[in-house]
Amino acid sequence: MPNIKSAKKRVLVNEAKALQNKMAKSELKTVVKKFEAAVAAGDKEAAKVAYADVVKELDQAAAKGLIHKNNAANKKSEYTIALNNL
């Protein structure tokens, strides 16, 4: 446990940021699951709507540094191919 006031504050800030990151990653996973479920069901209209959400979430996650920008690009490419194959 830190003794210095600024170090105590950093512990609290880090905990808050970790929680925000966890929530954002959880949201990303939820959106991805919805898209993959729509693709698996073969529902093209639902997949198109979910695809837009997935791309937005991936871009935001990459901008925030939650995932690497190349990881986001690879996932977007993969999901675009999956959508086009429907």
PDB file of N, CA and C in Angstrom:
ATOM      1  N   MET A   1       0.849  -1.180   0.000  1.00  0.00           N
ATOM      2  CA  MET A   1       0.000   0.000   0.000  1.00  0.00           C
ATOM      3  C   MET A   1       0.894   1.242   0.000  1.00  0.00           C
ATOM      4  N   PRO A   2       0.612   2.190  -0.873  1.00  0.00           N
ATOM      5  CA  PRO A   2       1.455   3.386  -0.954  1.00  0.00           C
ATOM      6  C   PRO A   2       1.259   4.302   0.258  1.00  0.00           C
ATOM      7  N   ASN A   3       2.332   5.017   0.580  1.00  0.00           N
ATOM      8  CA  ASN A   3       2.280   5.969   1.686  1.00  0.00           C
ATOM      9  C   ASN A   3       2.157   7.403   1.189  1.00  0.00           C
ATOM     10  N   ILE A   4       2.655   7.672   0.012  1.00  0.00           N
ATOM     11  CA  ILE A   4       2.667   9.028  -0.524  1.00  0.00           C
ATOM     12  C   ILE A   4       1.290   9.341  -1.114  1.00  0.00           C
ATOM     13  N   LYS A   5       0.841  10.582  -0.890  1.00  0.00           N
ATOM     14  CA  LYS A   5      -0.501  10.975  -1.303  1.00  0.00           C
ATOM     15  C   LYS A   5      -0.725  10.806  -2.801  1.00  0.00           C
ATOM     16  N   SER A   6       0.244  11.209  -3.613  1.00  0.00           N
ATOM     17  CA  SER A   6       0.086  11.108  -5.062  1.00  0.00           C
ATOM     18  C   SER A   6       0.045   9.646  -5.514  1.00  0.00           C
ATOM     19  N   ALA A   7       0.787   8.792  -4.828  1.00  0.00           N
ATOM     20  CA  ALA A   7       0.781   7.366  -5.157  1.00  0.00           C
ATOM     21  C   ALA A   7      -0.564   6.739  -4.794  1.00  0.00           C
ATOM     22  N   LYS A   8      -1.153   7.177  -3.688  1.00  0.00           N
ATOM     23  CA  LYS A   8      -2.481   6.697  -3.300  1.00  0.00           C
ATOM     24  C   LYS A   8      -3.504   7.097  -4.359  1.00  0.00           C
ATOM     25  N   LYS A   9      -3.382   8.331  -4.848  1.00  0.00           N
ATOM     26  CA  LYS A   9      -4.304   8.806  -5.880  1.00  0.00           C
ATOM     27  C   LYS A   9      -4.135   7.982  -7.157  1.00  0.00           C
ATOM     28  N   ARG A  10      -2.897   7.676  -7.538  1.00  0.00           N
ATOM     29  CA  ARG A  10      -2.661   6.896  -8.752  1.00  0.00           C
ATOM     30  C   ARG A  10      -3.316   5.516  -8.652  1.00  0.00           C
ATOM     31  N   VAL A  11      -3.293   4.923  -7.454  1.00  0.00           N
ATOM     32  CA  VAL A  11      -3.924   3.624  -7.262  1.00  0.00           C
ATOM     33  C   VAL A  11      -5.418   3.739  -7.562  1.00  0.00           C
ATOM     34  N   LEU A  12      -6.060   4.779  -7.041  1.00  0.00           N
ATOM     35  CA  LEU A  12      -7.493   4.968  -7.265  1.00  0.00           C
ATOM     36  C   LEU A  12      -7.790   5.239  -8.743  1.00  0.00           C
ATOM     37  N   VAL A  13      -6.971   6.077  -9.369  1.00  0.00           N
ATOM     38  CA  VAL A  13      -7.175   6.405 -10.778  1.00  0.00           C
ATOM     39  C   VAL A  13      -6.984   5.167 -11.641  1.00  0.00           C
ATOM     40  N   ASN A  14      -5.956   4.382 -11.343  1.00  0.00           N
ATOM     41  CA  ASN A  14      -5.700   3.167 -12.108  1.00  0.00           C
ATOM     42  C   ASN A  14      -6.849   2.165 -11.988  1.00  0.00           C
ATOM     43  N   GLU A  15      -7.420   2.057 -10.791  1.00  0.00           N
ATOM     44  CA  GLU A  15      -8.560   1.158 -10.604  1.00  0.00           C
ATOM     45  C   GLU A  15      -9.754   1.627 -11.431  1.00  0.00           C
ATOM     46  N   ALA A  16      -9.999   2.930 -11.440  1.00  0.00           N
ATOM     47  CA  ALA A  16     -11.116   3.476 -12.214  1.00  0.00           C
ATOM     48  C   ALA A  16     -10.902   3.249 -13.705  1.00  0.00           C
ATOM     49  N   LYS A  17      -9.691   3.505 -14.179  1.00  0.00           N
ATOM     50  CA  LYS A  17      -9.391   3.309 -15.602  1.00  0.00           C
ATOM     51  C   LYS A  17      -9.485   1.836 -15.991  1.00  0.00           C
ATOM     52  N   ALA A  18      -9.040   0.952 -15.110  1.00  0.00           N
ATOM     53  CA  ALA A  18      -9.112  -0.482 -15.390  1.00  0.00           C
ATOM     54  C   ALA A  18     -10.573  -0.913 -15.536  1.00  0.00           C
ATOM     55  N   LEU A  19     -11.444  -0.348 -14.704  1.00  0.00           N
ATOM     56  CA  LEU A  19     -12.862  -0.664 -14.786  1.00  0.00           C
ATOM     57  C   LEU A  19     -13.456  -0.159 -16.106  1.00  0.00           C
ATOM     58  N   GLN A  20     -13.065   1.056 -16.516  1.00  0.00           N
ATOM     59  CA  GLN A  20     -13.548   1.604 -17.786  1.00  0.00           C
ATOM     60  C   GLN A  20     -13.085   0.741 -18.951  1.00  0.00           C
ATOM     61  N   ASN A  21     -11.827   0.314 -18.920  1.00  0.00           N
ATOM     62  CA  ASN A  21     -11.297  -0.536 -19.981  1.00  0.00           C
ATOM     63  C   ASN A  21     -12.042  -1.873 -20.033  1.00  0.00           C
ATOM     64  N   LYS A  22     -12.330  -2.423 -18.857  1.00  0.00           N
ATOM     65  CA  LYS A  22     -13.039  -3.689 -18.778  1.00  0.00           C
ATOM     66  C   LYS A  22     -14.442  -3.559 -19.362  1.00  0.00           C
ATOM     67  N   MET A  23     -15.112  -2.461 -19.059  1.00  0.00           N
ATOM     68  CA  MET A  23     -16.455  -2.240 -19.583  1.00  0.00           C
ATOM     69  C   MET A  23     -16.426  -2.084 -21.100  1.00  0.00           C
ATOM     70  N   ALA A  24     -15.441  -1.354 -21.611  1.00  0.00           N
ATOM     71  CA  ALA A  24     -15.342  -1.135 -23.049  1.00  0.00           C
ATOM     72  C   ALA A  24     -15.043  -2.434 -23.783  1.00  0.00           C
ATOM     73  N   LYS A  25     -14.157  -3.258 -23.233  1.00  0.00           N
ATOM     74  CA  LYS A  25     -13.844  -4.539 -23.864  1.00  0.00           C
ATOM     75  C   LYS A  25     -15.051  -5.473 -23.827  1.00  0.00           C
ATOM     76  N   SER A  26     -15.789  -5.429 -22.730  1.00  0.00           N
ATOM     77  CA  SER A  26     -16.981  -6.253 -22.609  1.00  0.00           C
ATOM     78  C   SER A  26     -18.013  -5.847 -23.658  1.00  0.00           C
ATOM     79  N   GLU A  27     -18.192  -4.556 -23.851  1.00  0.00           N
ATOM     80  CA  GLU A  27     -19.127  -4.054 -24.860  1.00  0.00           C
ATOM     81  C   GLU A  27     -18.701  -4.506 -26.255  1.00  0.00           C
ATOM     82  N   LEU A  28     -17.407  -4.440 -26.525  1.00  0.00           N
ATOM     83  CA  LEU A  28     -16.883  -4.869 -27.820  1.00  0.00           C
ATOM     84  C   LEU A  28     -17.187  -6.353 -28.050  1.00  0.00           C
ATOM     85  N   LYS A  29     -16.943  -7.164 -27.037  1.00  0.00           N
ATOM     86  CA  LYS A  29     -17.200  -8.599 -27.163  1.00  0.00           C
ATOM     87  C   LYS A  29     -18.683  -8.878 -27.398  1.00  0.00           C
ATOM     88  N   THR A  30     -19.560  -8.126 -26.728  1.00  0.00           N
ATOM     89  CA  THR A  30     -20.995  -8.303 -26.882  1.00  0.00           C
ATOM     90  C   THR A  30     -21.428  -7.999 -28.305  1.00  0.00           C
ATOM     91  N   VAL A  31     -20.916  -6.899 -28.863  1.00  0.00           N
ATOM     92  CA  VAL A  31     -21.279  -6.507 -30.227  1.00  0.00           C
ATOM     93  C   VAL A  31     -20.775  -7.535 -31.226  1.00  0.00           C
ATOM     94  N   VAL A  32     -19.563  -8.041 -31.000  1.00  0.00           N
ATOM     95  CA  VAL A  32     -18.993  -9.050 -31.893  1.00  0.00           C
ATOM     96  C   VAL A  32     -19.845 -10.323 -31.850  1.00  0.00           C
ATOM     97  N   LYS A  33     -20.286 -10.719 -30.661  1.00  0.00           N
ATOM     98  CA  LYS A  33     -21.108 -11.920 -30.538  1.00  0.00           C
ATOM     99  C   LYS A  33     -22.432 -11.764 -31.278  1.00  0.00           C
ATOM    100  N   LYS A  34     -23.028 -10.567 -31.197  1.00  0.00           N
ATOM    101  CA  LYS A  34     -24.286 -10.324 -31.908  1.00  0.00           C
ATOM    102  C   LYS A  34     -24.075 -10.451 -33.416  1.00  0.00           C
ATOM    103  N   PHE A  35     -22.972  -9.904 -33.916  1.00  0.00           N
ATOM    104  CA  PHE A  35     -22.685  -9.991 -35.352  1.00  0.00           C
ATOM    105  C   PHE A  35     -22.474 -11.443 -35.762  1.00  0.00           C
ATOM    106  N   GLU A  36     -21.658 -12.155 -35.001  1.00  0.00           N
ATOM    107  CA  GLU A  36     -21.363 -13.544 -35.342  1.00  0.00           C
ATOM    108  C   GLU A  36     -22.617 -14.411 -35.275  1.00  0.00           C
ATOM    109  N   ALA A  37     -23.522 -14.106 -34.344  1.00  0.00           N
ATOM    110  CA  ALA A  37     -24.776 -14.852 -34.254  1.00  0.00           C
ATOM    111  C   ALA A  37     -25.646 -14.591 -35.478  1.00  0.00           C
ATOM    112  N   ALA A  38     -25.674 -13.342 -35.941  1.00  0.00           N
ATOM    113  CA  ALA A  38     -26.460 -12.997 -37.130  1.00  0.00           C
ATOM    114  C   ALA A  38     -25.892 -13.689 -38.364  1.00  0.00           C
ATOM    115  N   VAL A  39     -24.568 -13.743 -38.458  1.00  0.00           N
ATOM    116  CA  VAL A  39     -23.927 -14.415 -39.595  1.00  0.00           C
ATOM    117  C   VAL A  39     -24.212 -15.914 -39.538  1.00  0.00           C
ATOM    118  N   ALA A  40     -24.110 -16.488 -38.353  1.00  0.00           N
ATOM    119  CA  ALA A  40     -24.355 -17.926 -38.208  1.00  0.00           C
ATOM    120  C   ALA A  40     -25.801 -18.275 -38.551  1.00  0.00           C
ATOM    121  N   ALA A  41     -26.723 -17.357 -38.237  1.00  0.00           N
ATOM    122  CA  ALA A  41     -28.135 -17.590 -38.534  1.00  0.00           C
ATOM    123  C   ALA A  41     -28.446 -17.343 -40.003  1.00  0.00           C
ATOM    124  N   GLY A  42     -27.534 -16.681 -40.705  1.00  0.00           N
ATOM    125  CA  GLY A  42     -27.741 -16.387 -42.117  1.00  0.00           C
ATOM    126  C   GLY A  42     -28.661 -15.211 -42.354  1.00  0.00           C
ATOM    127  N   ASP A  43     -28.860 -14.376 -41.331  1.00  0.00           N
ATOM    128  CA  ASP A  43     -29.746 -13.208 -41.433  1.00  0.00           C
ATOM    129  C   ASP A  43     -28.946 -12.015 -41.939  1.00  0.00           C
ATOM    130  N   LYS A  44     -29.049 -11.733 -43.228  1.00  0.00           N
ATOM    131  CA  LYS A  44     -28.219 -10.701 -43.852  1.00  0.00           C
ATOM    132  C   LYS A  44     -28.554  -9.310 -43.335  1.00  0.00           C
ATOM    133  N   GLU A  45     -29.836  -9.006 -43.133  1.00  0.00           N
ATOM    134  CA  GLU A  45     -30.239  -7.670 -42.682  1.00  0.00           C
ATOM    135  C   GLU A  45     -29.733  -7.396 -41.264  1.00  0.00           C
ATOM    136  N   ALA A  46     -29.908  -8.356 -40.379  1.00  0.00           N
ATOM    137  CA  ALA A  46     -29.427  -8.203 -39.008  1.00  0.00           C
ATOM    138  C   ALA A  46     -27.904  -8.120 -38.989  1.00  0.00           C
ATOM    139  N   ALA A  47     -27.264  -8.884 -39.875  1.00  0.00           N
ATOM    140  CA  ALA A  47     -25.803  -8.876 -39.935  1.00  0.00           C
ATOM    141  C   ALA A  47     -25.293  -7.513 -40.409  1.00  0.00           C
ATOM    142  N   LYS A  48     -25.995  -6.881 -41.349  1.00  0.00           N
ATOM    143  CA  LYS A  48     -25.582  -5.555 -41.825  1.00  0.00           C
ATOM    144  C   LYS A  48     -25.637  -4.523 -40.698  1.00  0.00           C
ATOM    145  N   VAL A  49     -26.708  -4.564 -39.927  1.00  0.00           N
ATOM    146  CA  VAL A  49     -26.852  -3.631 -38.803  1.00  0.00           C
ATOM    147  C   VAL A  49     -25.769  -3.897 -37.761  1.00  0.00           C
ATOM    148  N   ALA A  50     -25.567  -5.175 -37.438  1.00  0.00           N
ATOM    149  CA  ALA A  50     -24.567  -5.540 -36.441  1.00  0.00           C
ATOM    150  C   ALA A  50     -23.161  -5.213 -36.936  1.00  0.00           C
ATOM    151  N   TYR A  51     -22.938  -5.353 -38.247  1.00  0.00           N
ATOM    152  CA  TYR A  51     -21.621  -5.058 -38.822  1.00  0.00           C
ATOM    153  C   TYR A  51     -21.242  -3.596 -38.593  1.00  0.00           C
ATOM    154  N   ALA A  52     -22.200  -2.699 -38.798  1.00  0.00           N
ATOM    155  CA  ALA A  52     -21.930  -1.273 -38.581  1.00  0.00           C
ATOM    156  C   ALA A  52     -21.532  -1.019 -37.127  1.00  0.00           C
ATOM    157  N   ASP A  53     -22.215  -1.676 -36.205  1.00  0.00           N
ATOM    158  CA  ASP A  53     -21.885  -1.527 -34.782  1.00  0.00           C
ATOM    159  C   ASP A  53     -20.503  -2.087 -34.470  1.00  0.00           C
ATOM    160  N   VAL A  54     -20.183  -3.233 -35.067  1.00  0.00           N
ATOM    161  CA  VAL A  54     -18.886  -3.873 -34.822  1.00  0.00           C
ATOM    162  C   VAL A  54     -17.751  -2.972 -35.305  1.00  0.00           C
ATOM    163  N   VAL A  55     -17.893  -2.426 -36.507  1.00  0.00           N
ATOM    164  CA  VAL A  55     -16.845  -1.581 -37.069  1.00  0.00           C
ATOM    165  C   VAL A  55     -16.639  -0.344 -36.193  1.00  0.00           C
ATOM    166  N   LYS A  56     -17.738   0.244 -35.750  1.00  0.00           N
ATOM    167  CA  LYS A  56     -17.643   1.430 -34.891  1.00  0.00           C
ATOM    168  C   LYS A  56     -16.929   1.098 -33.581  1.00  0.00           C
ATOM    169  N   GLU A  57     -17.328   0.002 -32.950  1.00  0.00           N
ATOM    170  CA  GLU A  57     -16.712  -0.389 -31.680  1.00  0.00           C
ATOM    171  C   GLU A  57     -15.230  -0.719 -31.846  1.00  0.00           C
ATOM    172  N   LEU A  58     -14.884  -1.400 -32.943  1.00  0.00           N
ATOM    173  CA  LEU A  58     -13.476  -1.735 -33.182  1.00  0.00           C
ATOM    174  C   LEU A  58     -12.642  -0.464 -33.367  1.00  0.00           C
ATOM    175  N   ASP A  59     -13.167   0.485 -34.132  1.00  0.00           N
ATOM    176  CA  ASP A  59     -12.446   1.740 -34.343  1.00  0.00           C
ATOM    177  C   ASP A  59     -12.263   2.498 -33.029  1.00  0.00           C
ATOM    178  N   GLN A  60     -13.297   2.518 -32.212  1.00  0.00           N
ATOM    179  CA  GLN A  60     -13.203   3.213 -30.929  1.00  0.00           C
ATOM    180  C   GLN A  60     -12.220   2.510 -30.001  1.00  0.00           C
ATOM    181  N   ALA A  61     -12.245   1.195 -29.984  1.00  0.00           N
ATOM    182  CA  ALA A  61     -11.326   0.440 -29.131  1.00  0.00           C
ATOM    183  C   ALA A  61      -9.882   0.669 -29.568  1.00  0.00           C
ATOM    184  N   ALA A  62      -9.653   0.726 -30.874  1.00  0.00           N
ATOM    185  CA  ALA A  62      -8.307   0.978 -31.377  1.00  0.00           C
ATOM    186  C   ALA A  62      -7.864   2.394 -31.032  1.00  0.00           C
ATOM    187  N   ALA A  63      -8.784   3.346 -31.128  1.00  0.00           N
ATOM    188  CA  ALA A  63      -8.450   4.740 -30.814  1.00  0.00           C
ATOM    189  C   ALA A  63      -8.117   4.906 -29.335  1.00  0.00           C
ATOM    190  N   LYS A  64      -8.787   4.149 -28.484  1.00  0.00           N
ATOM    191  CA  LYS A  64      -8.550   4.228 -27.044  1.00  0.00           C
ATOM    192  C   LYS A  64      -7.345   3.415 -26.606  1.00  0.00           C
ATOM    193  N   GLY A  65      -6.831   2.584 -27.512  1.00  0.00           N
ATOM    194  CA  GLY A  65      -5.674   1.767 -27.167  1.00  0.00           C
ATOM    195  C   GLY A  65      -6.038   0.460 -26.495  1.00  0.00           C
ATOM    196  N   LEU A  66      -7.312   0.079 -26.539  1.00  0.00           N
ATOM    197  CA  LEU A  66      -7.715  -1.188 -25.936  1.00  0.00           C
ATOM    198  C   LEU A  66      -7.225  -2.368 -26.760  1.00  0.00           C
ATOM    199  N   ILE A  67      -7.218  -2.183 -28.082  1.00  0.00           N
ATOM    200  CA  ILE A  67      -6.660  -3.184 -28.980  1.00  0.00           C
ATOM    201  C   ILE A  67      -5.759  -2.461 -29.970  1.00  0.00           C
ATOM    202  N   HIS A  68      -4.839  -3.187 -30.562  1.00  0.00           N
ATOM    203  CA  HIS A  68      -3.919  -2.593 -31.525  1.00  0.00           C
ATOM    204  C   HIS A  68      -4.669  -2.253 -32.804  1.00  0.00           C
ATOM    205  N   LYS A  69      -4.248  -1.202 -33.483  1.00  0.00           N
ATOM    206  CA  LYS A  69      -4.961  -0.763 -34.684  1.00  0.00           C
ATOM    207  C   LYS A  69      -4.925  -1.828 -35.776  1.00  0.00           C
ATOM    208  N   ASN A  70      -3.833  -2.592 -35.863  1.00  0.00           N
ATOM    209  CA  ASN A  70      -3.763  -3.659 -36.865  1.00  0.00           C
ATOM    210  C   ASN A  70      -4.712  -4.798 -36.503  1.00  0.00           C
ATOM    211  N   ASN A  71      -4.879  -5.048 -35.215  1.00  0.00           N
ATOM    212  CA  ASN A  71      -5.827  -6.061 -34.760  1.00  0.00           C
ATOM    213  C   ASN A  71      -7.236  -5.651 -35.180  1.00  0.00           C
ATOM    214  N   ALA A  72      -7.562  -4.375 -34.994  1.00  0.00           N
ATOM    215  CA  ALA A  72      -8.881  -3.868 -35.393  1.00  0.00           C
ATOM    216  C   ALA A  72      -9.066  -4.006 -36.897  1.00  0.00           C
ATOM    217  N   ALA A  73      -8.035  -3.661 -37.661  1.00  0.00           N
ATOM    218  CA  ALA A  73      -8.117  -3.742 -39.113  1.00  0.00           C
ATOM    219  C   ALA A  73      -8.312  -5.191 -39.566  1.00  0.00           C
ATOM    220  N   ASN A  74      -7.598  -6.116 -38.956  1.00  0.00           N
ATOM    221  CA  ASN A  74      -7.727  -7.526 -39.315  1.00  0.00           C
ATOM    222  C   ASN A  74      -9.132  -8.049 -39.008  1.00  0.00           C
ATOM    223  N   LYS A  75      -9.668  -7.655 -37.857  1.00  0.00           N
ATOM    224  CA  LYS A  75     -11.008  -8.096 -37.482  1.00  0.00           C
ATOM    225  C   LYS A  75     -12.054  -7.500 -38.425  1.00  0.00           C
ATOM    226  N   LYS A  76     -11.908  -6.228 -38.769  1.00  0.00           N
ATOM    227  CA  LYS A  76     -12.851  -5.598 -39.693  1.00  0.00           C
ATOM    228  C   LYS A  76     -12.827  -6.312 -41.041  1.00  0.00           C
ATOM    229  N   SER A  77     -11.641  -6.661 -41.501  1.00  0.00           N
ATOM    230  CA  SER A  77     -11.506  -7.381 -42.766  1.00  0.00           C
ATOM    231  C   SER A  77     -12.198  -8.737 -42.684  1.00  0.00           C
ATOM    232  N   GLU A  78     -11.961  -9.438 -41.602  1.00  0.00           N
ATOM    233  CA  GLU A  78     -12.562 -10.764 -41.404  1.00  0.00           C
ATOM    234  C   GLU A  78     -14.092 -10.673 -41.406  1.00  0.00           C
ATOM    235  N   TYR A  79     -14.636  -9.660 -40.704  1.00  0.00           N
ATOM    236  CA  TYR A  79     -16.089  -9.509 -40.603  1.00  0.00           C
ATOM    237  C   TYR A  79     -16.687  -9.041 -41.922  1.00  0.00           C
ATOM    238  N   THR A  80     -15.944  -8.242 -42.678  1.00  0.00           N
ATOM    239  CA  THR A  80     -16.417  -7.798 -43.987  1.00  0.00           C
ATOM    240  C   THR A  80     -16.534  -9.005 -44.924  1.00  0.00           C
ATOM    241  N   ILE A  81     -15.543  -9.868 -44.900  1.00  0.00           N
ATOM    242  CA  ILE A  81     -15.588 -11.071 -45.730  1.00  0.00           C
ATOM    243  C   ILE A  81     -16.749 -11.955 -45.326  1.00  0.00           C
ATOM    244  N   ALA A  82     -16.975 -12.100 -44.030  1.00  0.00           N
ATOM    245  CA  ALA A  82     -18.077 -12.926 -43.541  1.00  0.00           C
ATOM    246  C   ALA A  82     -19.422 -12.353 -43.994  1.00  0.00           C
ATOM    247  N   LEU A  83     -19.551 -11.025 -43.949  1.00  0.00           N
ATOM    248  CA  LEU A  83     -20.802 -10.377 -44.373  1.00  0.00           C
ATOM    249  C   LEU A  83     -21.008 -10.553 -45.876  1.00  0.00           C
ATOM    250  N   ASN A  84     -19.960 -10.376 -46.644  1.00  0.00           N
ATOM    251  CA  ASN A  84     -20.071 -10.485 -48.096  1.00  0.00           C
ATOM    252  C   ASN A  84     -20.373 -11.911 -48.559  1.00  0.00           C
ATOM    253  N   ASN A  85     -19.983 -12.895 -47.769  1.00  0.00           N
ATOM    254  CA  ASN A  85     -20.223 -14.286 -48.130  1.00  0.00           C
ATOM    255  C   ASN A  85     -21.640 -14.744 -47.825  1.00  0.00           C
ATOM    256  N   LEU A  86     -22.410 -13.906 -47.140  1.00  0.00           N
ATOM    257  CA  LEU A  86     -23.797 -14.277 -46.846  1.00  0.00           C
ATOM    258  C   LEU A  86     -24.640 -14.253 -48.103  1.00  0.00           C
TER     259      LEU A  86
END
